N, C-alpha and C. Protein backbone atom coordinates (compact mmCIF):
# COMPACT_ATOMS: atom_id res chain seq x y z
N MET A 1 106.92 94.62 105.99
CA MET A 1 107.21 95.01 107.27
C MET A 1 108.54 94.50 107.67
N ILE A 2 108.97 93.64 107.06
CA ILE A 2 110.56 93.21 107.38
C ILE A 2 111.48 94.27 106.81
N CYS A 3 111.11 95.03 105.68
CA CYS A 3 112.12 95.74 105.56
C CYS A 3 112.00 97.07 106.28
N ILE A 4 110.97 97.18 106.93
CA ILE A 4 110.96 98.30 107.71
C ILE A 4 111.72 98.08 109.02
N LYS A 5 111.71 96.94 109.67
CA LYS A 5 112.36 96.68 110.86
C LYS A 5 113.97 96.45 110.33
N LYS A 6 114.28 96.53 109.37
CA LYS A 6 115.70 96.50 108.84
C LYS A 6 116.17 97.98 108.50
N ASP A 7 115.56 98.67 108.69
CA ASP A 7 115.81 100.10 108.54
C ASP A 7 116.02 100.78 109.80
N THR A 8 117.57 101.21 109.91
CA THR A 8 117.93 101.54 111.24
C THR A 8 117.33 102.88 111.90
N TYR A 9 116.43 103.95 110.76
CA TYR A 9 115.89 105.05 111.37
C TYR A 9 114.46 104.36 111.81
N LEU A 10 113.85 103.35 111.07
CA LEU A 10 112.51 103.08 111.36
C LEU A 10 112.36 102.11 112.59
N GLU A 11 113.31 101.16 112.66
CA GLU A 11 113.28 99.96 113.58
C GLU A 11 112.83 100.36 114.99
N PRO A 12 113.52 101.19 115.52
CA PRO A 12 113.33 101.71 117.08
C PRO A 12 111.71 102.32 117.15
N ILE A 13 111.37 103.15 115.99
CA ILE A 13 109.96 103.60 115.95
C ILE A 13 109.17 102.45 116.11
N VAL A 14 109.16 101.48 115.23
CA VAL A 14 108.15 100.45 114.87
C VAL A 14 108.20 99.74 116.17
N GLU A 15 109.26 99.58 116.74
CA GLU A 15 109.38 98.67 118.31
C GLU A 15 108.57 99.46 119.06
N ASP A 16 108.84 100.58 119.26
CA ASP A 16 108.15 101.70 120.11
C ASP A 16 106.62 101.68 120.05
N ILE A 17 106.26 101.69 118.89
CA ILE A 17 105.00 101.58 118.44
C ILE A 17 103.94 100.32 118.86
N GLU A 18 104.83 99.37 118.67
CA GLU A 18 104.32 97.82 118.92
C GLU A 18 104.44 97.63 120.36
N ILE A 19 104.91 98.39 121.24
CA ILE A 19 105.02 97.76 122.72
C ILE A 19 104.31 99.08 123.28
N GLY A 20 104.28 100.03 122.68
CA GLY A 20 103.38 101.26 123.46
C GLY A 20 101.73 101.34 123.29
N ASP A 21 101.37 102.53 123.74
CA ASP A 21 99.98 102.52 123.78
C ASP A 21 99.50 103.47 122.55
N PRO A 22 98.41 103.62 122.44
CA PRO A 22 97.81 104.58 121.41
C PRO A 22 98.39 105.93 121.45
N ILE A 23 98.92 106.41 122.53
CA ILE A 23 99.55 107.54 122.82
C ILE A 23 101.00 107.79 122.02
N VAL A 24 101.59 106.73 122.11
CA VAL A 24 103.08 106.58 121.40
C VAL A 24 102.69 106.66 119.84
N MET A 25 101.67 105.97 119.43
CA MET A 25 101.33 105.94 118.05
C MET A 25 101.10 107.31 117.71
N MET A 26 100.40 108.14 118.38
CA MET A 26 99.84 109.45 117.96
C MET A 26 100.98 110.37 117.86
N ARG A 27 102.08 110.29 118.67
CA ARG A 27 103.18 111.05 118.74
C ARG A 27 103.91 110.64 117.21
N TYR A 28 103.94 109.56 116.85
CA TYR A 28 104.70 109.63 115.51
C TYR A 28 103.71 109.94 114.38
N LEU A 29 102.32 110.06 114.28
CA LEU A 29 101.46 110.39 113.63
C LEU A 29 101.65 111.76 112.99
N ASN A 30 102.30 112.47 114.19
CA ASN A 30 102.33 114.02 114.06
C ASN A 30 103.83 114.45 113.67
N ASP A 31 104.47 113.35 113.34
CA ASP A 31 106.05 113.64 112.70
C ASP A 31 105.98 113.50 111.18
N SER A 32 106.11 114.16 110.48
CA SER A 32 106.32 114.10 109.13
C SER A 32 107.11 113.43 108.31
N GLU A 33 108.38 113.45 109.32
CA GLU A 33 109.49 112.97 108.73
C GLU A 33 109.37 111.36 108.89
N VAL A 34 108.73 111.00 109.91
CA VAL A 34 108.48 109.44 110.19
C VAL A 34 107.38 108.95 109.12
N LEU A 35 106.35 109.80 109.16
CA LEU A 35 105.31 109.10 108.09
C LEU A 35 106.01 109.33 106.64
N TYR A 36 106.81 110.01 106.24
CA TYR A 36 107.33 110.02 104.98
C TYR A 36 108.23 108.89 104.79
N LYS A 37 108.84 108.29 105.79
CA LYS A 37 110.05 107.35 105.79
C LYS A 37 109.12 105.92 105.99
N LEU A 38 108.16 105.93 106.37
CA LEU A 38 107.22 104.84 106.50
C LEU A 38 106.57 104.69 105.15
N GLY A 39 105.95 105.74 104.52
CA GLY A 39 105.25 105.43 103.38
C GLY A 39 106.36 105.07 102.18
N GLN A 40 107.36 105.79 102.34
CA GLN A 40 108.61 105.26 101.27
C GLN A 40 108.81 103.55 101.43
N ALA A 41 108.95 103.28 102.77
CA ALA A 41 109.53 101.68 103.01
C ALA A 41 108.21 100.89 102.68
N MET A 42 107.13 101.33 102.78
CA MET A 42 105.75 100.64 102.29
C MET A 42 105.26 100.79 100.70
N GLY A 43 106.19 101.47 100.27
CA GLY A 43 106.00 101.69 98.57
C GLY A 43 105.09 102.69 98.34
N PHE A 44 104.72 103.76 99.13
CA PHE A 44 103.68 104.90 98.66
C PHE A 44 104.64 106.08 98.50
N GLY A 45 104.29 106.84 97.52
CA GLY A 45 104.92 107.86 97.00
C GLY A 45 104.67 109.15 97.73
N VAL A 46 105.03 110.49 97.72
CA VAL A 46 104.74 111.43 98.61
C VAL A 46 103.33 111.80 98.36
N SER A 47 102.78 111.68 97.27
CA SER A 47 101.47 112.22 97.21
C SER A 47 100.46 111.22 97.62
N GLY A 48 100.92 109.99 98.25
CA GLY A 48 100.09 108.83 98.76
C GLY A 48 99.67 107.80 97.40
N GLU A 49 100.06 108.01 96.17
CA GLU A 49 99.92 107.08 95.45
C GLU A 49 100.89 105.87 95.56
N ILE A 50 100.70 104.61 95.07
CA ILE A 50 101.45 103.58 95.29
C ILE A 50 102.58 103.55 94.15
N ASP A 51 103.80 103.44 94.52
CA ASP A 51 104.98 103.33 93.45
C ASP A 51 104.90 102.14 92.96
N THR A 52 105.37 102.14 91.79
CA THR A 52 105.19 100.84 90.72
C THR A 52 106.66 100.59 90.37
């Protein structure tokens, strides 16, 4: 989570989700670019496989 908060693209999104309601989170769940970048930051590949 620390590396996600240091990412200049993801930091405001994560903060928005943390202080927002479920509707805010749903807005980002429909954004493929955000999901892709979150997946990369958490170590998941494009297919959903864990990067080693």
